[in-house]
PDB file of N, CA and C in Angstrom:
ATOM      1  N   MET A   1     -52.540  29.063   5.924  1.00  0.00           N
ATOM      2  CA  MET A   1     -52.409  27.653   5.491  1.00  0.00           C
ATOM      3  C   MET A   1     -51.527  27.560   4.258  1.00  0.00           C
ATOM      4  N   SER A   2     -50.699  26.617   4.207  1.00  0.00           N
ATOM      5  CA  SER A   2     -49.807  26.435   3.069  1.00  0.00           C
ATOM      6  C   SER A   2     -50.450  25.542   2.009  1.00  0.00           C
ATOM      7  N   THR A   3     -50.158  25.874   0.836  1.00  0.00           N
ATOM      8  CA  THR A   3     -50.756  25.105  -0.227  1.00  0.00           C
ATOM      9  C   THR A   3     -49.878  23.799  -0.459  1.00  0.00           C
ATOM     10  N   HIS A   4     -50.479  22.913  -1.378  1.00  0.00           N
ATOM     11  CA  HIS A   4     -49.742  21.731  -1.650  1.00  0.00           C
ATOM     12  C   HIS A   4     -48.403  22.096  -2.405  1.00  0.00           C
ATOM     13  N   ALA A   5     -48.388  23.074  -3.277  1.00  0.00           N
ATOM     14  CA  ALA A   5     -47.229  23.415  -4.119  1.00  0.00           C
ATOM     15  C   ALA A   5     -46.138  23.887  -3.043  1.00  0.00           C
ATOM     16  N   GLU A   6     -46.503  24.783  -2.085  1.00  0.00           N
ATOM     17  CA  GLU A   6     -45.489  25.135  -1.170  1.00  0.00           C
ATOM     18  C   GLU A   6     -44.871  24.003  -0.318  1.00  0.00           C
ATOM     19  N   THR A   7     -45.713  23.125   0.070  1.00  0.00           N
ATOM     20  CA  THR A   7     -45.279  21.946   0.855  1.00  0.00           C
ATOM     21  C   THR A   7     -44.382  21.087  -0.009  1.00  0.00           C
ATOM     22  N   SER A   8     -44.737  20.920  -1.264  1.00  0.00           N
ATOM     23  CA  SER A   8     -43.971  20.070  -2.160  1.00  0.00           C
ATOM     24  C   SER A   8     -42.601  20.721  -2.423  1.00  0.00           C
ATOM     25  N   HIS A   9     -42.567  22.028  -2.542  1.00  0.00           N
ATOM     26  CA  HIS A   9     -41.344  22.739  -2.736  1.00  0.00           C
ATOM     27  C   HIS A   9     -40.482  22.689  -1.527  1.00  0.00           C
ATOM     28  N   LEU A  10     -41.005  22.808  -0.320  1.00  0.00           N
ATOM     29  CA  LEU A  10     -40.208  22.632   0.901  1.00  0.00           C
ATOM     30  C   LEU A  10     -39.700  21.187   1.087  1.00  0.00           C
ATOM     31  N   THR A  11     -40.461  20.228   0.773  1.00  0.00           N
ATOM     32  CA  THR A  11     -40.085  18.887   0.815  1.00  0.00           C
ATOM     33  C   THR A  11     -38.895  18.603  -0.103  1.00  0.00           C
ATOM     34  N   LYS A  12     -39.009  19.101  -1.321  1.00  0.00           N
ATOM     35  CA  LYS A  12     -37.898  18.875  -2.303  1.00  0.00           C
ATOM     36  C   LYS A  12     -36.646  19.604  -1.768  1.00  0.00           C
ATOM     37  N   TYR A  13     -36.783  20.788  -1.163  1.00  0.00           N
ATOM     38  CA  TYR A  13     -35.659  21.576  -0.622  1.00  0.00           C
ATOM     39  C   TYR A  13     -35.050  20.788   0.475  1.00  0.00           C
ATOM     40  N   VAL A  14     -35.847  20.268   1.459  1.00  0.00           N
ATOM     41  CA  VAL A  14     -35.229  19.529   2.537  1.00  0.00           C
ATOM     42  C   VAL A  14     -34.581  18.235   2.047  1.00  0.00           C
ATOM     43  N   LYS A  15     -35.254  17.528   1.104  1.00  0.00           N
ATOM     44  CA  LYS A  15     -34.622  16.334   0.545  1.00  0.00           C
ATOM     45  C   LYS A  15     -33.284  16.641  -0.121  1.00  0.00           C
ATOM     46  N   GLY A  16     -33.210  17.723  -0.898  1.00  0.00           N
ATOM     47  CA  GLY A  16     -31.978  18.137  -1.512  1.00  0.00           C
ATOM     48  C   GLY A  16     -30.895  18.452  -0.506  1.00  0.00           C
ATOM     49  N   ARG A  17     -31.301  19.128   0.529  1.00  0.00           N
ATOM     50  CA  ARG A  17     -30.256  19.511   1.588  1.00  0.00           C
ATOM     51  C   ARG A  17     -29.826  18.153   2.266  1.00  0.00           C
ATOM     52  N   LYS A  18     -30.701  17.285   2.471  1.00  0.00           N
ATOM     53  CA  LYS A  18     -30.203  15.987   3.065  1.00  0.00           C
ATOM     54  C   LYS A  18     -29.240  15.193   2.171  1.00  0.00           C
ATOM     55  N   LYS A  19     -29.521  15.194   0.900  1.00  0.00           N
ATOM     56  CA  LYS A  19     -28.621  14.573  -0.119  1.00  0.00           C
ATOM     57  C   LYS A  19     -27.255  15.259  -0.087  1.00  0.00           C
ATOM     58  N   LYS A  20     -27.289  16.618  -0.029  1.00  0.00           N
ATOM     59  CA  LYS A  20     -25.985  17.353  -0.032  1.00  0.00           C
ATOM     60  C   LYS A  20     -25.237  16.979   1.271  1.00  0.00           C
ATOM     61  N   ASN A  21     -25.979  17.023   2.397  1.00  0.00           N
ATOM     62  CA  ASN A  21     -25.274  16.741   3.646  1.00  0.00           C
ATOM     63  C   ASN A  21     -24.800  15.322   3.587  1.00  0.00           C
ATOM     64  N   THR A  22     -25.575  14.374   3.148  1.00  0.00           N
ATOM     65  CA  THR A  22     -25.149  13.015   3.106  1.00  0.00           C
ATOM     66  C   THR A  22     -23.968  12.872   2.288  1.00  0.00           C
ATOM     67  N   ARG A  23     -23.981  13.500   1.195  1.00  0.00           N
ATOM     68  CA  ARG A  23     -22.712  13.428   0.283  1.00  0.00           C
ATOM     69  C   ARG A  23     -21.513  13.963   1.037  1.00  0.00           C
ATOM     70  N   ARG A  24     -21.715  15.087   1.634  1.00  0.00           N
ATOM     71  CA  ARG A  24     -20.601  15.797   2.298  1.00  0.00           C
ATOM     72  C   ARG A  24     -20.085  14.826   3.467  1.00  0.00           C
ATOM     73  N   ARG A  25     -20.966  14.315   4.198  1.00  0.00           N
ATOM     74  CA  ARG A  25     -20.645  13.334   5.274  1.00  0.00           C
ATOM     75  C   ARG A  25     -19.871  12.139   4.688  1.00  0.00           C
ATOM     76  N   LEU A  26     -20.421  11.596   3.613  1.00  0.00           N
ATOM     77  CA  LEU A  26     -19.791  10.407   2.997  1.00  0.00           C
ATOM     78  C   LEU A  26     -18.339  10.760   2.512  1.00  0.00           C
ATOM     79  N   LYS A  27     -18.165  11.958   1.984  1.00  0.00           N
ATOM     80  CA  LYS A  27     -16.887  12.350   1.479  1.00  0.00           C
ATOM     81  C   LYS A  27     -15.966  12.471   2.661  1.00  0.00           C
ATOM     82  N   SER A  28     -16.367  13.103   3.771  1.00  0.00           N
ATOM     83  CA  SER A  28     -15.478  13.309   4.911  1.00  0.00           C
ATOM     84  C   SER A  28     -15.237  11.995   5.511  1.00  0.00           C
ATOM     85  N   CYS A  29     -16.247  11.092   5.517  1.00  0.00           N
ATOM     86  CA  CYS A  29     -16.030   9.703   6.089  1.00  0.00           C
ATOM     87  C   CYS A  29     -14.994   8.937   5.336  1.00  0.00           C
ATOM     88  N   LEU A  30     -15.195   9.037   3.987  1.00  0.00           N
ATOM     89  CA  LEU A  30     -14.170   8.240   3.149  1.00  0.00           C
ATOM     90  C   LEU A  30     -12.767   8.890   3.304  1.00  0.00           C
ATOM     91  N   PHE A  31     -12.695  10.197   3.447  1.00  0.00           N
ATOM     92  CA  PHE A  31     -11.408  10.835   3.612  1.00  0.00           C
ATOM     93  C   PHE A  31     -10.817  10.307   4.943  1.00  0.00           C
ATOM     94  N   LYS A  32     -11.618  10.227   6.012  1.00  0.00           N
ATOM     95  CA  LYS A  32     -11.079   9.778   7.243  1.00  0.00           C
ATOM     96  C   LYS A  32     -10.686   8.331   7.242  1.00  0.00           C
ATOM     97  N   VAL A  33     -11.467   7.516   6.486  1.00  0.00           N
ATOM     98  CA  VAL A  33     -11.194   6.126   6.316  1.00  0.00           C
ATOM     99  C   VAL A  33      -9.839   5.959   5.585  1.00  0.00           C
ATOM    100  N   GLY A  34      -9.665   6.715   4.468  1.00  0.00           N
ATOM    101  CA  GLY A  34      -8.495   6.697   3.679  1.00  0.00           C
ATOM    102  C   GLY A  34      -7.251   7.137   4.504  1.00  0.00           C
ATOM    103  N   THR A  35      -7.389   8.136   5.233  1.00  0.00           N
ATOM    104  CA  THR A  35      -6.253   8.646   6.071  1.00  0.00           C
ATOM    105  C   THR A  35      -6.011   7.625   7.239  1.00  0.00           C
ATOM    106  N   MET A  36      -7.018   7.013   7.722  1.00  0.00           N
ATOM    107  CA  MET A  36      -6.833   6.054   8.741  1.00  0.00           C
ATOM    108  C   MET A  36      -6.105   4.810   8.238  1.00  0.00           C
ATOM    109  N   ALA A  37      -6.522   4.410   7.047  1.00  0.00           N
ATOM    110  CA  ALA A  37      -5.887   3.280   6.370  1.00  0.00           C
ATOM    111  C   ALA A  37      -4.417   3.620   6.189  1.00  0.00           C
ATOM    112  N   LEU A  38      -4.118   4.815   5.639  1.00  0.00           N
ATOM    113  CA  LEU A  38      -2.704   5.183   5.432  1.00  0.00           C
ATOM    114  C   LEU A  38      -1.968   5.188   6.729  1.00  0.00           C
ATOM    115  N   SER A  39      -2.607   5.762   7.769  1.00  0.00           N
ATOM    116  CA  SER A  39      -1.917   5.841   9.023  1.00  0.00           C
ATOM    117  C   SER A  39      -1.666   4.413   9.620  1.00  0.00           C
ATOM    118  N   ASP A  40      -2.682   3.597   9.508  1.00  0.00           N
ATOM    119  CA  ASP A  40      -2.429   2.204   9.970  1.00  0.00           C
ATOM    120  C   ASP A  40      -1.383   1.511   9.143  1.00  0.00           C
ATOM    121  N   CYS A  41      -1.414   1.713   7.839  1.00  0.00           N
ATOM    122  CA  CYS A  41      -0.373   1.064   7.036  1.00  0.00           C
ATOM    123  C   CYS A  41       1.040   1.570   7.482  1.00  0.00           C
ATOM    124  N   TRP A  42       1.089   2.882   7.660  1.00  0.00           N
ATOM    125  CA  TRP A  42       2.419   3.513   8.010  1.00  0.00           C
ATOM    126  C   TRP A  42       2.898   2.962   9.409  1.00  0.00           C
ATOM    127  N   LYS A  43       1.936   2.831  10.297  1.00  0.00           N
ATOM    128  CA  LYS A  43       2.286   2.257  11.629  1.00  0.00           C
ATOM    129  C   LYS A  43       2.792   0.847  11.401  1.00  0.00           C
ATOM    130  N   GLN A  44       2.151   0.050  10.576  1.00  0.00           N
ATOM    131  CA  GLN A  44       2.581  -1.373  10.449  1.00  0.00           C
ATOM    132  C   GLN A  44       3.906  -1.379   9.820  1.00  0.00           C
ATOM    133  N   LEU A  45       4.227  -0.500   8.719  1.00  0.00           N
ATOM    134  CA  LEU A  45       5.532  -0.572   8.172  1.00  0.00           C
ATOM    135  C   LEU A  45       6.623  -0.092   9.121  1.00  0.00           C
ATOM    136  N   SER A  46       6.277   0.949   9.929  1.00  0.00           N
ATOM    137  CA  SER A  46       7.203   1.342  10.933  1.00  0.00           C
ATOM    138  C   SER A  46       7.517   0.275  11.963  1.00  0.00           C
ATOM    139  N   TRP A  47       6.490  -0.539  12.390  1.00  0.00           N
ATOM    140  CA  TRP A  47       6.671  -1.625  13.255  1.00  0.00           C
ATOM    141  C   TRP A  47       7.636  -2.749  12.561  1.00  0.00           C
ATOM    142  N   PHE A  48       7.406  -3.030  11.296  1.00  0.00           N
ATOM    143  CA  PHE A  48       8.217  -4.010  10.599  1.00  0.00           C
ATOM    144  C   PHE A  48       9.653  -3.529  10.546  1.00  0.00           C
ATOM    145  N   TYR A  49       9.835  -2.203  10.288  1.00  0.00           N
ATOM    146  CA  TYR A  49      11.215  -1.657  10.180  1.00  0.00           C
ATOM    147  C   TYR A  49      11.905  -1.701  11.517  1.00  0.00           C
ATOM    148  N   TYR A  50      11.156  -1.428  12.650  1.00  0.00           N
ATOM    149  CA  TYR A  50      11.686  -1.573  13.986  1.00  0.00           C
ATOM    150  C   TYR A  50      12.041  -2.968  14.242  1.00  0.00           C
ATOM    151  N   GLN A  51      11.229  -3.899  13.910  1.00  0.00           N
ATOM    152  CA  GLN A  51      11.674  -5.355  14.086  1.00  0.00           C
ATOM    153  C   GLN A  51      12.940  -5.758  13.264  1.00  0.00           C
ATOM    154  N   TYR A  52      12.892  -5.175  12.032  1.00  0.00           N
ATOM    155  CA  TYR A  52      14.119  -5.410  11.215  1.00  0.00           C
ATOM    156  C   TYR A  52      15.412  -4.902  11.887  1.00  0.00           C
ATOM    157  N   LEU A  53      15.232  -3.681  12.502  1.00  0.00           N
ATOM    158  CA  LEU A  53      16.413  -3.106  13.243  1.00  0.00           C
ATOM    159  C   LEU A  53      16.782  -3.936  14.445  1.00  0.00           C
ATOM    160  N   LEU A  54      15.815  -4.549  15.159  1.00  0.00           N
ATOM    161  CA  LEU A  54      16.120  -5.308  16.295  1.00  0.00           C
ATOM    162  C   LEU A  54      16.741  -6.660  15.922  1.00  0.00           C
ATOM    163  N   VAL A  55      16.149  -7.289  14.994  1.00  0.00           N
ATOM    164  CA  VAL A  55      16.619  -8.626  14.530  1.00  0.00           C
ATOM    165  C   VAL A  55      18.033  -8.587  14.046  1.00  0.00           C
ATOM    166  N   THR A  56      18.306  -7.613  13.182  1.00  0.00           N
ATOM    167  CA  THR A  56      19.720  -7.461  12.642  1.00  0.00           C
ATOM    168  C   THR A  56      20.620  -6.681  13.512  1.00  0.00           C
ATOM    169  N   ALA A  57      20.187  -6.199  14.556  1.00  0.00           N
ATOM    170  CA  ALA A  57      21.076  -5.435  15.507  1.00  0.00           C
ATOM    171  C   ALA A  57      21.518  -4.177  14.899  1.00  0.00           C
ATOM    172  N   LEU A  58      20.790  -3.620  13.874  1.00  0.00           N
ATOM    173  CA  LEU A  58      21.192  -2.386  13.325  1.00  0.00           C
ATOM    174  C   LEU A  58      20.867  -1.136  14.201  1.00  0.00           C
ATOM    175  N   TYR A  59      20.104  -1.389  15.197  1.00  0.00           N
ATOM    176  CA  TYR A  59      19.749  -0.220  16.095  1.00  0.00           C
ATOM    177  C   TYR A  59      21.042   0.343  16.821  1.00  0.00           C
ATOM    178  N   MET A  60      22.054  -0.538  16.869  1.00  0.00           N
ATOM    179  CA  MET A  60      23.261  -0.060  17.593  1.00  0.00           C
ATOM    180  C   MET A  60      24.122   0.797  16.710  1.00  0.00           C
ATOM    181  N   LEU A  61      23.911   0.760  15.400  1.00  0.00           N
ATOM    182  CA  LEU A  61      24.727   1.561  14.442  1.00  0.00           C
ATOM    183  C   LEU A  61      24.290   2.996  14.397  1.00  0.00           C
ATOM    184  N   GLU A  62      25.202   3.859  13.917  1.00  0.00           N
ATOM    185  CA  GLU A  62      24.849   5.214  13.750  1.00  0.00           C
ATOM    186  C   GLU A  62      24.053   5.327  12.399  1.00  0.00           C
ATOM    187  N   PRO A  63      23.332   6.414  12.252  1.00  0.00           N
ATOM    188  CA  PRO A  63      22.519   6.552  11.069  1.00  0.00           C
ATOM    189  C   PRO A  63      23.265   6.368   9.705  1.00  0.00           C
ATOM    190  N   TRP A  64      24.446   6.931   9.627  1.00  0.00           N
ATOM    191  CA  TRP A  64      25.214   6.843   8.395  1.00  0.00           C
ATOM    192  C   TRP A  64      25.662   5.413   8.132  1.00  0.00           C
ATOM    193  N   GLU A  65      26.022   4.605   9.289  1.00  0.00           N
ATOM    194  CA  GLU A  65      26.424   3.287   9.105  1.00  0.00           C
ATOM    195  C   GLU A  65      25.236   2.377   8.708  1.00  0.00           C
ATOM    196  N   ARG A  66      24.038   2.691   9.305  1.00  0.00           N
ATOM    197  CA  ARG A  66      22.808   2.025   8.933  1.00  0.00           C
ATOM    198  C   ARG A  66      22.498   2.185   7.423  1.00  0.00           C
ATOM    199  N   THR A  67      22.672   3.373   6.951  1.00  0.00           N
ATOM    200  CA  THR A  67      22.379   3.747   5.595  1.00  0.00           C
ATOM    201  C   THR A  67      23.359   2.954   4.679  1.00  0.00           C
ATOM    202  N   VAL A  68      24.617   2.854   5.022  1.00  0.00           N
ATOM    203  CA  VAL A  68      25.569   2.074   4.156  1.00  0.00           C
ATOM    204  C   VAL A  68      25.192   0.673   4.145  1.00  0.00           C
ATOM    205  N   PHE A  69      24.829   0.130   5.322  1.00  0.00           N
ATOM    206  CA  PHE A  69      24.514  -1.323   5.404  1.00  0.00           C
ATOM    207  C   PHE A  69      23.220  -1.611   4.587  1.00  0.00           C
ATOM    208  N   ASN A  70      22.194  -0.820   4.761  1.00  0.00           N
ATOM    209  CA  ASN A  70      20.973  -0.943   3.995  1.00  0.00           C
ATOM    210  C   ASN A  70      21.204  -0.863   2.463  1.00  0.00           C
ATOM    211  N   SER A  71      22.097   0.181   2.119  1.00  0.00           N
ATOM    212  CA  SER A  71      22.403   0.325   0.664  1.00  0.00           C
ATOM    213  C   SER A  71      23.039  -1.000   0.072  1.00  0.00           C
ATOM    214  N   LEU A  72      24.030  -1.478   0.853  1.00  0.00           N
ATOM    215  CA  LEU A  72      24.687  -2.725   0.374  1.00  0.00           C
ATOM    216  C   LEU A  72      23.680  -3.885   0.274  1.00  0.00           C
ATOM    217  N   LEU A  73      22.838  -3.973   1.291  1.00  0.00           N
ATOM    218  CA  LEU A  73      21.903  -5.050   1.351  1.00  0.00           C
ATOM    219  C   LEU A  73      20.971  -4.973   0.159  1.00  0.00           C
ATOM    220  N   ILE A  74      20.429  -3.789  -0.140  1.00  0.00           N
ATOM    221  CA  ILE A  74      19.502  -3.627  -1.239  1.00  0.00           C
ATOM    222  C   ILE A  74      20.221  -3.894  -2.568  1.00  0.00           C
ATOM    223  N   SER A  75      21.461  -3.454  -2.666  1.00  0.00           N
ATOM    224  CA  SER A  75      22.293  -3.671  -3.882  1.00  0.00           C
ATOM    225  C   SER A  75      22.448  -5.201  -4.124  1.00  0.00           C
ATOM    226  N   VAL A  76      22.862  -5.925  -3.161  1.00  0.00           N
ATOM    227  CA  VAL A  76      23.058  -7.339  -3.326  1.00  0.00           C
ATOM    228  C   VAL A  76      21.736  -8.092  -3.605  1.00  0.00           C
ATOM    229  N   ALA A  77      20.662  -7.711  -2.979  1.00  0.00           N
ATOM    230  CA  ALA A  77      19.338  -8.277  -3.230  1.00  0.00           C
ATOM    231  C   ALA A  77      18.949  -7.928  -4.610  1.00  0.00           C
ATOM    232  N   GLY A  78      19.079  -6.714  -5.056  1.00  0.00           N
ATOM    233  CA  GLY A  78      18.786  -6.346  -6.423  1.00  0.00           C
ATOM    234  C   GLY A  78      19.530  -7.106  -7.439  1.00  0.00           C
ATOM    235  N   MET A  79      20.869  -7.329  -7.263  1.00  0.00           N
ATOM    236  CA  MET A  79      21.652  -8.036  -8.221  1.00  0.00           C
ATOM    237  C   MET A  79      21.202  -9.532  -8.178  1.00  0.00           C
ATOM    238  N   ALA A  80      20.840 -10.080  -7.052  1.00  0.00           N
ATOM    239  CA  ALA A  80      20.364 -11.459  -6.972  1.00  0.00           C
ATOM    240  C   ALA A  80      19.061 -11.545  -7.791  1.00  0.00           C
ATOM    241  N   VAL A  81      18.162 -10.661  -7.648  1.00  0.00           N
ATOM    242  CA  VAL A  81      16.890 -10.799  -8.356  1.00  0.00           C
ATOM    243  C   VAL A  81      17.128 -10.609  -9.881  1.00  0.00           C
ATOM    244  N   TYR A  82      18.016  -9.706 -10.267  1.00  0.00           N
ATOM    245  CA  TYR A  82      18.291  -9.500 -11.612  1.00  0.00           C
ATOM    246  C   TYR A  82      18.908 -10.732 -12.293  1.00  0.00           C
ATOM    247  N   THR A  83      19.861 -11.274 -11.585  1.00  0.00           N
ATOM    248  CA  THR A  83      20.572 -12.483 -12.031  1.00  0.00           C
ATOM    249  C   THR A  83      19.598 -13.680 -12.235  1.00  0.00           C
ATOM    250  N   GLY A  84      18.685 -13.742 -11.236  1.00  0.00           N
ATOM    251  CA  GLY A  84      17.758 -14.878 -11.303  1.00  0.00           C
ATOM    252  C   GLY A  84      16.791 -14.566 -12.469  1.00  0.00           C
ATOM    253  N   TYR A  85      16.451 -13.352 -12.744  1.00  0.00           N
ATOM    254  CA  TYR A  85      15.561 -13.059 -13.862  1.00  0.00           C
ATOM    255  C   TYR A  85      16.263 -13.325 -15.181  1.00  0.00           C
ATOM    256  N   VAL A  86      17.492 -13.078 -15.302  1.00  0.00           N
ATOM    257  CA  VAL A  86      18.144 -13.267 -16.583  1.00  0.00           C
ATOM    258  C   VAL A  86      18.559 -14.671 -16.779  1.00  0.00           C
ATOM    259  N   PHE A  87      19.040 -15.436 -15.763  1.00  0.00           N
ATOM    260  CA  PHE A  87      19.711 -16.710 -15.992  1.00  0.00           C
ATOM    261  C   PHE A  87      18.702 -17.850 -15.611  1.00  0.00           C
ATOM    262  N   MET A  88      17.705 -17.660 -14.793  1.00  0.00           N
ATOM    263  CA  MET A  88      16.852 -18.810 -14.442  1.00  0.00           C
ATOM    264  C   MET A  88      16.024 -19.370 -15.639  1.00  0.00           C
ATOM    265  N   PRO A  89      15.573 -18.686 -16.651  1.00  0.00           N
ATOM    266  CA  PRO A  89      14.919 -19.270 -17.787  1.00  0.00           C
ATOM    267  C   PRO A  89      15.865 -20.339 -18.561  1.00  0.00           C
ATOM    268  N   GLN A  90      17.147 -19.869 -18.687  1.00  0.00           N
ATOM    269  CA  GLN A  90      18.099 -20.728 -19.408  1.00  0.00           C
ATOM    270  C   GLN A  90      18.341 -22.022 -18.668  1.00  0.00           C
ATOM    271  N   HIS A  91      18.484 -21.968 -17.305  1.00  0.00           N
ATOM    272  CA  HIS A  91      18.692 -23.116 -16.548  1.00  0.00           C
ATOM    273  C   HIS A  91      17.515 -24.005 -16.499  1.00  0.00           C
ATOM    274  N   ILE A  92      16.278 -23.409 -16.370  1.00  0.00           N
ATOM    275  CA  ILE A  92      15.059 -24.239 -16.376  1.00  0.00           C
ATOM    276  C   ILE A  92      14.941 -24.962 -17.733  1.00  0.00           C
ATOM    277  N   MET A  93      15.220 -24.302 -18.847  1.00  0.00           N
ATOM    278  CA  MET A  93      15.144 -24.934 -20.114  1.00  0.00           C
ATOM    279  C   MET A  93      16.210 -26.034 -20.274  1.00  0.00           C
ATOM    280  N   ALA A  94      17.412 -25.839 -19.830  1.00  0.00           N
ATOM    281  CA  ALA A  94      18.424 -26.866 -19.790  1.00  0.00           C
ATOM    282  C   ALA A  94      17.961 -28.117 -18.942  1.00  0.00           C
ATOM    283  N   ILE A  95      17.344 -27.879 -17.812  1.00  0.00           N
ATOM    284  CA  ILE A  95      16.824 -28.995 -17.003  1.00  0.00           C
ATOM    285  C   ILE A  95      15.803 -29.716 -17.691  1.00  0.00           C
ATOM    286  N   LEU A  96      14.803 -29.023 -18.322  1.00  0.00           N
ATOM    287  CA  LEU A  96      13.753 -29.624 -19.048  1.00  0.00           C
ATOM    288  C   LEU A  96      14.258 -30.373 -20.275  1.00  0.00           C
ATOM    289  N   HIS A  97      15.250 -29.926 -20.941  1.00  0.00           N
ATOM    290  CA  HIS A  97      15.884 -30.725 -22.071  1.00  0.00           C
ATOM    291  C   HIS A  97      16.616 -31.895 -21.526  1.00  0.00           C
ATOM    292  N   TYR A  98      17.200 -31.833 -20.483  1.00  0.00           N
ATOM    293  CA  TYR A  98      17.960 -32.985 -19.806  1.00  0.00           C
ATOM    294  C   TYR A  98      16.972 -34.093 -19.489  1.00  0.00           C
ATOM    295  N   PHE A  99      15.859 -33.800 -18.891  1.00  0.00           N
ATOM    296  CA  PHE A  99      14.881 -34.772 -18.507  1.00  0.00           C
ATOM    297  C   PHE A  99      13.960 -35.081 -19.659  1.00  0.00           C
ATOM    298  N   GLU A 100      14.191 -34.511 -20.841  1.00  0.00           N
ATOM    299  CA  GLU A 100      13.394 -34.790 -22.034  1.00  0.00           C
ATOM    300  C   GLU A 100      11.929 -34.399 -21.873  1.00  0.00           C
ATOM    301  N   VAL A 101      11.661 -33.352 -21.107  1.00  0.00           N
ATOM    302  CA  VAL A 101      10.272 -32.985 -21.038  1.00  0.00           C
ATOM    303  C   VAL A 101       9.993 -32.085 -22.156  1.00  0.00           C
ATOM    304  N   VAL A 102      11.021 -31.338 -22.693  1.00  0.00           N
ATOM    305  CA  VAL A 102      10.776 -30.468 -23.809  1.00  0.00           C
ATOM    306  C   VAL A 102      11.956 -30.936 -24.853  1.00  0.00           C
ATOM    307  N   GLN A 103      11.471 -30.992 -26.108  1.00  0.00           N
ATOM    308  CA  GLN A 103      12.508 -31.415 -27.103  1.00  0.00           C
ATOM    309  C   GLN A 103      13.190 -30.284 -27.781  1.00  0.00           C
TER     310      GLN A 103
END
């Protein structure tokens, strides 16, 4: 016959093992969810890029031509954003002064 102390010790051991296994399962599950989320995100971005290639007809170009076109497009977009960031506050203030919203 087992004593109460032995039973208590075995119960604690089993509960401890369950906690460790649960933590291990949770970590592996979170890792799988994280990798699945990254995988789904990558698939979605790939699909958007494919749509971009189809809409702009870039799929017909060679890879080096596509790189040149994308570089120019990103450069022009970057310059437009920078110009808007630098000059828009001045224009907005001029408009507000014109309509006498700001003195």
